[in-house]
Protein backbone atom coordinates (compact mmCIF):
# COMPACT_ATOMS: atom_id res chain seq x y z
CA MET A 1 97.45 118.60 134.44
CA GLN A 2 95.67 115.51 135.92
CA ILE A 3 97.12 112.13 135.55
CA ILE A 4 94.45 109.68 134.88
CA ASN A 5 94.78 105.99 136.71
CA LYS A 6 94.60 103.61 133.73
CA ILE A 7 96.04 101.78 130.50
CA ALA A 8 96.07 103.85 127.36
CA PHE A 9 96.73 101.30 124.34
CA LEU A 10 97.68 103.76 121.61
CA VAL A 11 96.55 102.50 118.09
CA HIS A 12 98.10 103.77 115.25
CA GLU A 13 96.75 101.46 112.79
CA PRO A 14 93.54 99.14 112.34
CA ILE A 15 95.81 96.38 112.29
CA MET A 16 97.29 96.73 115.60
CA PHE A 17 93.93 94.82 116.49
CA ALA A 18 94.90 91.72 116.26
CA HIS A 19 97.90 92.36 118.18
CA TYR A 20 96.09 93.52 121.17
CA SER A 21 92.69 92.35 121.60
CA HIS A 22 93.56 89.01 123.00
CA VAL A 23 94.49 90.91 125.73
CA TRP A 24 91.95 92.87 126.07
CA SER A 25 89.39 90.63 126.30
CA GLN A 26 91.43 89.58 129.52
CA MET A 27 91.20 92.56 131.09
CA LYS A 28 88.66 94.54 133.33
CA THR A 29 87.46 97.12 130.97
CA GLU A 30 87.64 99.89 133.58
CA GLU A 31 91.10 99.10 133.68
CA PHE A 32 92.03 100.31 129.90
CA ILE A 33 91.09 103.05 127.14
CA ILE A 34 91.57 103.01 123.45
CA VAL A 35 92.92 105.54 121.90
CA LEU A 36 93.00 106.13 118.61
CA CYS A 37 95.61 108.11 116.49
CA HIS A 38 94.63 110.62 113.67
CA GLU A 39 94.88 107.36 110.82
CA CYS A 40 91.88 105.99 112.00
CA ASP A 41 90.20 109.62 112.47
CA LEU A 42 88.23 109.10 109.08
CA GLU A 43 86.51 112.16 109.94
CA GLY A 44 89.48 113.63 110.83
CA GLY A 45 91.08 113.24 107.61
CA GLY A 46 92.84 109.63 108.73
CA THR A 47 92.96 106.75 105.47
CA ALA A 48 93.91 104.08 107.49
CA ILE A 49 91.97 101.03 105.78
CA GLY A 50 89.52 99.02 107.88
CA ALA A 51 89.84 102.32 110.65
CA GLU A 52 85.43 102.20 110.32
CA GLU A 53 85.20 98.75 111.18
CA LEU A 54 88.15 99.19 113.74
CA LEU A 55 85.81 101.52 115.42
CA ASP A 56 82.95 99.24 115.06
CA LYS A 57 84.51 96.35 117.08
CA ILE A 58 85.57 97.72 119.50
CA ARG A 59 83.13 99.93 120.77
CA LYS A 60 80.61 96.73 119.94
CA LEU A 61 83.33 94.72 122.83
CA GLY A 62 82.24 97.28 125.31
CA TYR A 63 85.72 99.38 125.30
CA GLU A 64 86.19 102.76 126.15
CA THR A 65 87.61 104.72 123.19
CA GLU A 66 89.43 107.74 122.37
CA PHE A 67 90.82 109.89 119.74
CA PHE A 68 94.62 110.79 120.33
CA SER A 69 93.00 114.69 119.05
CA ASN A 70 90.94 114.70 122.30
CA ALA A 71 93.60 113.39 124.14
CA ILE A 72 95.98 116.47 123.34
CA ARG A 73 93.11 118.90 123.86
CA ARG A 74 92.00 117.82 127.33
CA LYS A 75 95.85 118.18 128.55
CA ASN A 76 95.38 115.20 130.61
CA LYS A 77 97.86 112.13 130.74
CA TYR A 78 97.01 108.57 131.37
CA ARG A 79 99.27 106.77 134.07
CA TYR A 80 100.79 104.17 132.01
CA VAL A 81 100.51 104.20 128.03
CA VAL A 82 101.29 100.69 125.52
CA SER A 83 102.30 101.22 121.98
CA ASN A 84 104.66 99.45 119.82
CA HIS A 85 105.51 101.98 116.94
CA ARG A 86 107.56 105.21 116.87
CA MET A 87 104.90 106.41 114.39
CA GLU A 88 105.69 110.05 114.51
CA GLY A 89 108.26 112.64 115.98
CA SER A 90 111.95 112.43 116.58
CA SER A 91 112.54 113.33 120.00
CA LEU A 92 112.31 112.89 123.71
CA PHE A 93 111.25 116.29 124.66
CA PRO A 94 108.82 119.20 123.36
CA GLY A 95 109.16 120.99 120.39
CA ASN A 96 110.30 124.57 120.86
CA THR A 97 108.33 127.58 120.13
CA LYS A 98 109.54 127.94 116.71
CA GLU A 99 108.31 124.26 115.57
CA LYS A 100 104.94 124.62 117.13
CA PHE A 101 104.58 127.96 115.42
CA THR A 102 104.95 126.15 112.06
CA LYS A 103 102.98 123.93 113.04
CA GLU A 104 100.43 126.17 113.60
CA ILE A 105 101.15 128.00 110.14
CA THR A 106 100.87 124.40 108.58
CA ASN A 107 97.66 123.78 110.19
CA ILE A 108 96.01 127.43 108.45
CA LYS A 109 96.68 126.22 105.43
CA LYS A 110 95.33 122.55 106.04
CA ARG A 111 92.32 124.27 107.49
CA PHE A 112 92.31 126.52 104.00
CA SER A 113 92.31 123.51 102.17
CA ASN A 114 89.58 121.48 103.65
CA TYR A 115 87.60 124.39 103.01
CA ILE A 116 88.18 124.37 99.61
CA GLY A 117 88.15 120.72 99.30
CA PHE A 118 84.53 120.49 101.20
CA ILE A 119 83.19 122.99 98.43
CA ARG A 120 84.37 120.86 95.91
CA GLY A 121 84.06 117.54 97.26
CA ARG A 122 87.72 116.27 97.62
CA LYS A 123 88.37 114.36 100.91
CA LYS A 124 89.50 116.19 104.49
CA VAL A 125 93.54 116.67 104.97
CA MET A 126 94.79 115.64 108.05
CA LEU A 127 95.96 118.08 110.70
CA ILE A 128 98.93 117.95 112.69
CA HIS A 129 97.54 117.04 116.07
CA GLY A 130 99.46 117.54 119.01
CA ASP A 131 103.46 118.56 119.39
CA PRO A 132 104.92 117.91 116.00
CA VAL A 133 108.67 116.90 117.62
CA GLN A 134 107.74 115.08 120.90
CA TYR A 135 106.90 110.62 119.95
CA PRO A 136 103.06 110.91 120.30
CA PRO A 137 102.92 108.18 123.61
CA LEU A 138 105.14 110.71 126.14
CA GLN A 139 102.37 113.41 124.93
CA ILE A 140 99.45 111.18 126.53
CA GLY A 141 101.69 109.32 129.34
CA VAL A 142 103.41 109.41 131.83
CA LYS A 143 105.03 105.71 132.42
CA GLN A 144 105.49 103.70 128.36
CA ILE A 145 105.59 100.10 128.09
CA ARG A 146 106.41 98.91 124.34
CA PHE A 147 104.15 95.72 123.40
CA MET A 148 106.48 94.01 121.17
CA TYR A 149 105.02 94.02 117.46
CA GLY A 150 107.06 90.53 116.22
CA ALA A 151 110.40 88.48 117.04
CA ASP A 152 111.96 89.70 114.07
CA ILE A 153 114.26 92.72 115.27
CA SER A 154 116.37 95.12 113.79
CA ASP A 155 118.91 97.81 114.49
CA GLY A 156 117.33 98.98 111.04
CA TRP A 157 113.98 99.58 112.77
CA SER A 158 112.95 97.98 115.84
CA LEU A 159 115.95 98.43 118.07
CA GLU A 160 116.58 101.89 116.90
CA ASP A 161 116.64 104.83 119.32
CA TRP A 162 112.74 105.52 119.91
CA ASN A 163 113.48 103.03 122.26
CA ASN A 164 114.66 104.38 124.77
CA ILE A 165 110.66 106.36 125.22
CA TYR A 166 110.00 103.15 127.15
CA ASP A 167 110.03 102.04 130.69
CA LEU A 168 108.78 98.55 130.08
CA PHE A 169 109.25 95.84 127.37
CA LEU A 170 106.78 93.32 127.03
CA CYS A 171 108.28 90.63 124.92
CA HIS A 172 107.90 87.79 122.92
CA GLY A 173 110.76 85.44 124.43
CA SER A 174 114.48 85.75 126.16
CA ASN A 175 115.90 86.54 122.51
CA ASP A 176 114.45 90.26 122.00
CA ALA A 177 114.44 90.21 125.80
CA ALA A 178 118.26 89.92 125.51
CA GLU A 179 118.59 92.31 122.96
CA LEU A 180 116.78 94.69 123.95
CA ASN A 181 118.53 95.17 127.76
CA LYS A 182 121.31 95.19 125.88
CA ARG A 183 120.46 98.61 124.32
CA PHE A 184 117.80 100.38 126.80
CA LYS A 185 117.29 101.33 130.38
CA GLY A 186 113.63 99.84 130.50
CA LYS A 187 112.97 96.96 132.06
CA THR A 188 111.77 93.34 130.25
CA GLU A 189 109.25 91.36 131.12
CA ILE A 190 108.73 88.03 128.60
CA MET A 191 104.60 87.13 127.95
CA GLY A 192 104.66 84.95 124.89
CA TYR A 193 103.06 85.82 121.75
CA PRO A 194 99.25 86.65 122.24
CA ARG A 195 97.70 87.58 119.06
CA TYR A 196 97.99 83.57 117.96
CA ASP A 197 96.58 82.49 121.35
CA SER A 198 93.05 81.18 119.62
CA TYR A 199 95.41 79.10 117.06
CA PHE A 200 95.50 76.67 119.92
CA ASN A 201 92.08 76.37 120.44
CA ARG A 202 90.44 73.10 119.02
CA GLU A 203 87.14 74.67 118.31
CA LEU A 204 88.89 77.42 116.26
CA ASP A 205 86.18 77.40 112.89
CA ILE A 206 87.81 77.46 109.49
CA SER A 207 84.75 77.58 107.98
CA SER A 208 84.79 81.24 106.47
CA VAL A 209 88.20 81.24 105.00
CA LEU A 210 87.45 78.34 103.05
CA THR A 211 84.31 80.07 101.88
CA GLU A 212 85.88 83.37 101.17
CA PHE A 213 88.78 82.57 99.90
CA ASP A 214 87.00 79.65 97.65
CA ILE A 215 89.88 76.90 98.69
CA ASP A 216 89.50 73.66 97.57
CA SER A 217 89.91 70.49 100.03
CA LYS A 218 91.27 68.53 97.41
CA LYS A 219 94.64 70.95 97.24
CA ARG A 220 97.18 72.00 99.36
CA THR A 221 97.21 75.64 100.19
CA ILE A 222 99.94 78.20 100.12
CA LEU A 223 99.79 81.29 102.16
CA TRP A 224 102.20 84.03 100.72
CA MET A 225 102.63 87.18 103.53
CA PRO A 226 105.56 89.52 101.29
CA THR A 227 106.16 92.65 103.81
CA THR A 228 105.79 96.32 102.85
CA GLY A 229 108.70 98.51 101.64
CA GLN A 230 110.89 98.86 98.93
CA GLY A 231 114.31 96.55 98.89
CA ALA A 232 111.90 94.57 101.20
CA CYS A 233 108.96 93.21 99.61
CA SER A 234 108.95 90.51 97.19
CA ILE A 235 106.26 91.61 95.63
CA PRO A 236 107.28 93.26 92.12
CA GLU A 237 109.94 89.86 91.74
CA PHE A 238 107.76 86.99 92.43
CA ALA A 239 104.15 87.71 91.55
CA GLU A 240 104.45 86.08 88.39
CA GLN A 241 106.21 83.23 89.37
CA ILE A 242 104.11 82.64 92.41
CA ALA A 243 101.17 82.39 90.40
CA SER A 244 102.20 80.25 88.01
CA LEU A 245 101.30 77.59 91.38
CA MET A 246 97.98 78.28 91.33
CA ASP A 247 97.41 75.28 88.88
CA ARG A 248 98.44 72.85 91.71
CA PHE A 249 98.10 74.72 94.47
CA ASN A 250 95.43 76.86 96.53
CA VAL A 251 97.66 80.53 97.09
CA VAL A 252 96.02 83.04 99.03
CA VAL A 253 98.16 86.38 99.44
CA ARG A 254 98.05 88.60 102.05
CA PRO A 255 100.14 91.91 101.78
CA HIS A 256 101.54 93.81 104.64
CA PRO A 257 98.05 95.99 105.47
CA LEU A 258 100.22 99.45 104.56
CA SER A 259 101.07 97.95 101.34
CA PHE A 260 97.24 98.97 99.73
CA ARG A 261 98.48 102.28 101.03
CA THR A 262 101.63 102.38 100.44
CA SER A 263 101.85 101.00 97.16
CA PRO A 264 98.83 100.16 95.07
CA GLU A 265 100.94 99.31 92.67
CA TYR A 266 102.15 95.95 93.94
CA ILE A 267 98.61 95.11 94.48
CA GLU A 268 97.16 96.11 91.18
CA LEU A 269 99.97 94.03 90.07
CA LEU A 270 98.95 90.85 92.02
CA ALA A 271 94.99 91.20 90.97
CA SER A 272 96.03 91.57 87.32
CA LEU A 273 97.72 87.56 88.14
CA ASN A 274 94.40 86.97 89.77
CA TYR A 275 95.35 86.42 92.77
CA LYS A 276 93.15 85.05 95.81
CA ILE A 277 94.02 88.57 98.08
CA ASP A 278 93.28 88.97 101.84
CA SER A 279 92.88 92.56 102.07
CA ASN A 280 91.19 92.59 105.48
CA PRO A 281 93.77 94.45 108.32
CA LEU A 282 91.46 93.16 110.86
CA ARG A 283 91.77 89.41 109.61
CA ASP A 284 92.18 87.14 112.36
CA MET A 285 95.24 85.25 111.38
CA ASN A 286 94.85 81.87 113.48
CA VAL A 287 91.70 81.44 111.37
CA LEU A 288 93.44 81.79 108.26
CA TYR A 289 96.81 79.91 109.79
CA LYS A 290 94.42 76.74 110.39
CA ALA A 291 93.14 76.63 106.95
CA ILE A 292 96.77 76.92 104.78
CA ASP A 293 99.86 74.28 104.67
CA PHE A 294 102.56 76.11 103.70
CA VAL A 295 103.90 79.91 104.02
CA LEU A 296 105.91 81.59 101.49
CA CYS A 297 107.57 85.09 103.51
CA ASP A 298 110.17 87.43 102.66
CA TYR A 299 111.12 89.39 105.65
CA GLY A 300 108.85 91.12 108.78
CA GLY A 301 107.64 89.06 111.75
CA SER A 302 105.25 86.73 109.60
CA SER A 303 108.05 83.86 108.69
CA PHE A 304 108.38 84.10 112.81
CA GLY A 305 104.27 83.86 112.86
CA ALA A 306 105.28 80.97 110.98
CA ILE A 307 107.95 79.10 113.17
CA TYR A 308 105.78 79.90 116.49
CA LEU A 309 102.70 78.04 114.71
CA ASP A 310 104.84 75.24 113.48
CA LYS A 311 104.19 75.79 110.03
CA ASN A 312 106.33 74.51 106.73
CA LEU A 313 108.39 77.76 105.51
CA ILE A 314 109.85 78.84 102.57
CA LEU A 315 111.85 82.35 102.59
CA LEU A 316 112.21 84.61 99.56
CA ASP A 317 115.07 86.33 99.01
CA VAL A 318 114.36 90.12 97.34
CA SER A 319 117.21 91.47 95.29
CA ASN A 320 119.11 94.23 97.32
CA SER A 321 117.35 93.89 100.39
CA GLU A 322 120.92 95.32 101.81
CA SER A 323 119.10 98.34 100.95
CA SER A 324 116.20 98.19 103.34
CA GLY A 325 116.60 99.66 106.60
CA ALA A 326 114.32 96.30 108.31
CA VAL A 327 117.01 93.94 107.59
CA ILE A 328 120.01 95.64 108.67
CA ASN A 329 121.16 92.94 111.89
CA SER A 330 118.04 91.53 111.64
CA SER A 331 117.22 88.34 113.26
CA ASN A 332 115.47 87.92 109.67
CA LEU A 333 118.95 87.01 108.62
CA GLN A 334 119.75 84.07 111.61
CA ILE A 335 116.69 82.63 110.37
CA ARG A 336 117.91 82.31 107.01
CA GLU A 337 120.42 79.71 108.40
CA TYR A 338 117.68 76.84 109.32
CA PHE A 339 115.19 76.99 106.18
CA PRO A 340 115.08 76.98 102.59
CA VAL A 341 115.87 80.35 101.15
CA ILE A 342 114.65 81.09 97.18
CA GLY A 343 115.76 83.84 95.22
CA PRO A 344 113.42 85.20 92.18
CA GLU A 345 115.83 83.55 89.53
CA ASP A 346 115.38 80.07 91.17
CA ALA A 347 111.51 80.68 91.93
CA GLY A 348 110.98 77.81 89.95
CA LYS A 349 111.95 75.52 92.36
CA ILE A 350 109.30 76.19 94.90
CA GLU A 351 107.16 73.56 93.63
CA SER A 352 109.11 70.50 93.44
CA MET A 353 110.23 71.75 96.98
CA ILE A 354 106.66 71.33 98.38
CA ASP A 355 106.59 68.31 97.43
CA ASP A 356 110.05 67.27 98.97
CA HIS A 357 108.98 65.07 102.74
CA GLN A 358 111.92 64.84 103.48
CA LEU A 359 112.47 68.49 103.40
CA TRP A 360 109.42 69.02 105.92
CA GLU A 361 110.47 66.75 108.35
CA GLU A 362 114.50 67.82 109.11
CA GLN A 363 112.44 71.73 109.08
CA ARG A 364 110.40 70.69 111.24
CA ILE A 365 113.19 70.21 113.81
CA ASN A 366 114.45 73.34 113.01
CA ARG A 367 111.29 74.83 113.36
CA LYS A 368 110.96 73.60 117.29
CA LEU A 369 114.84 74.67 117.90
CA LEU A 370 113.87 78.04 116.72
CA PHE A 371 110.81 78.40 118.87
CA LYS A 372 112.55 78.28 122.02
CA LYS A 373 115.33 81.01 121.28
CA TYR A 374 112.68 83.42 119.90
CA PHE A 375 109.50 82.55 122.33
CA ALA A 376 108.22 81.71 125.74
CA ASP A 377 105.90 78.79 125.76
CA ASN A 378 102.90 80.64 126.57
CA ARG A 379 101.03 79.03 123.92
CA GLY A 380 97.50 79.45 124.22
CA GLU A 381 98.08 81.69 127.40
CA SER A 382 99.89 84.39 126.16
CA SER A 383 97.18 87.04 126.31
CA ARG A 384 96.26 85.88 129.71
CA GLN A 385 100.03 86.41 130.74
CA ALA A 386 100.60 89.52 128.95
CA ALA A 387 97.05 90.83 130.59
CA LYS A 388 99.09 89.77 134.23
CA ILE A 389 101.57 91.71 134.11
CA LEU A 390 99.72 94.88 132.62
CA GLY A 391 98.18 94.35 136.21
CA SER A 392 100.85 94.60 138.17
CA LEU A 393 102.34 97.63 136.55
CA ASP A 394 102.62 99.53 139.83
CA THR A 395 105.04 97.02 141.04
CA ILE A 396 107.21 96.50 138.33
CA LEU A 397 107.68 100.16 137.75
CA ILE A 398 107.69 101.72 141.02
């Protein structure tokens, strides 16, 4: 086995372009490679929406790419791997002979299915690449770095045991660094929030989204950002009520990109109500945030993005949200003490809240307070800081 002296960014979904691309721009192209998981391999049966556009973007930028399946076949490993989700697997260790044999039998069945599907014009079924049990980053790299996905952290997902694979965590601020230090052996470094660096560029052009979503300059604009998953996603309970705001406001809804694949019925509901839907997983959110005045969120990282960018924020409370693992001991619950929280039965109050100027003046103070808790003040410079840390891995991870 050969150790390749590069940093591999393991990309499992096209949306990760928004999280990583600002950092890539601050690095030398020969320092890193982008390893695409099988969901992004359309020829291999991947189904990720935006995968073709993702590959086109990163190749036009001159970045080296490789599919995860090829990295496995070569049996080489990268010195460092950057990732931020569990993806697949359940163990720090390779599977046993029985598990690997079961994988091979499953792949034989899938190959037969692909042969029949080819004759009948059906889409390919994805094969299982690599070890069926071990976490994928461990299969292609020696040292593991987690690039935190958002400032929302919870025992139900982002702080689960799979974080034991990491040697280093790149954190948004002191809060996530402290929580990770309590639970895991990996070191922590604070980078800020790289994906929002260009928001602070005064020359940022928003004309494209104004045209795309037909935003009327005479109206204030609401961005609704529902997360994914039953018990957390606000679409089923709020879609009809929020649609009633369209007469007075521009309303743009950006469902979590995974919802288009996992919950198509939610997207159909939004379409039936004539929402302006953002379906682009590679969207530069800085441009969209610049064009809007108010943000509606349920759970997940979007509310923290609004805090970071100092946007007026209303939180939506989903019935039975405790059934969702995403909110178990979540920092989403902490911030609900500082912002207005609306349940489905009170959705009619959103319009009057938007008109309450005193509410937003008071909230501005809370946003500043929470910014200090959750984020390093590296606004506009977080990508540079992240790249600097990644360039010092040989020193940090001795």
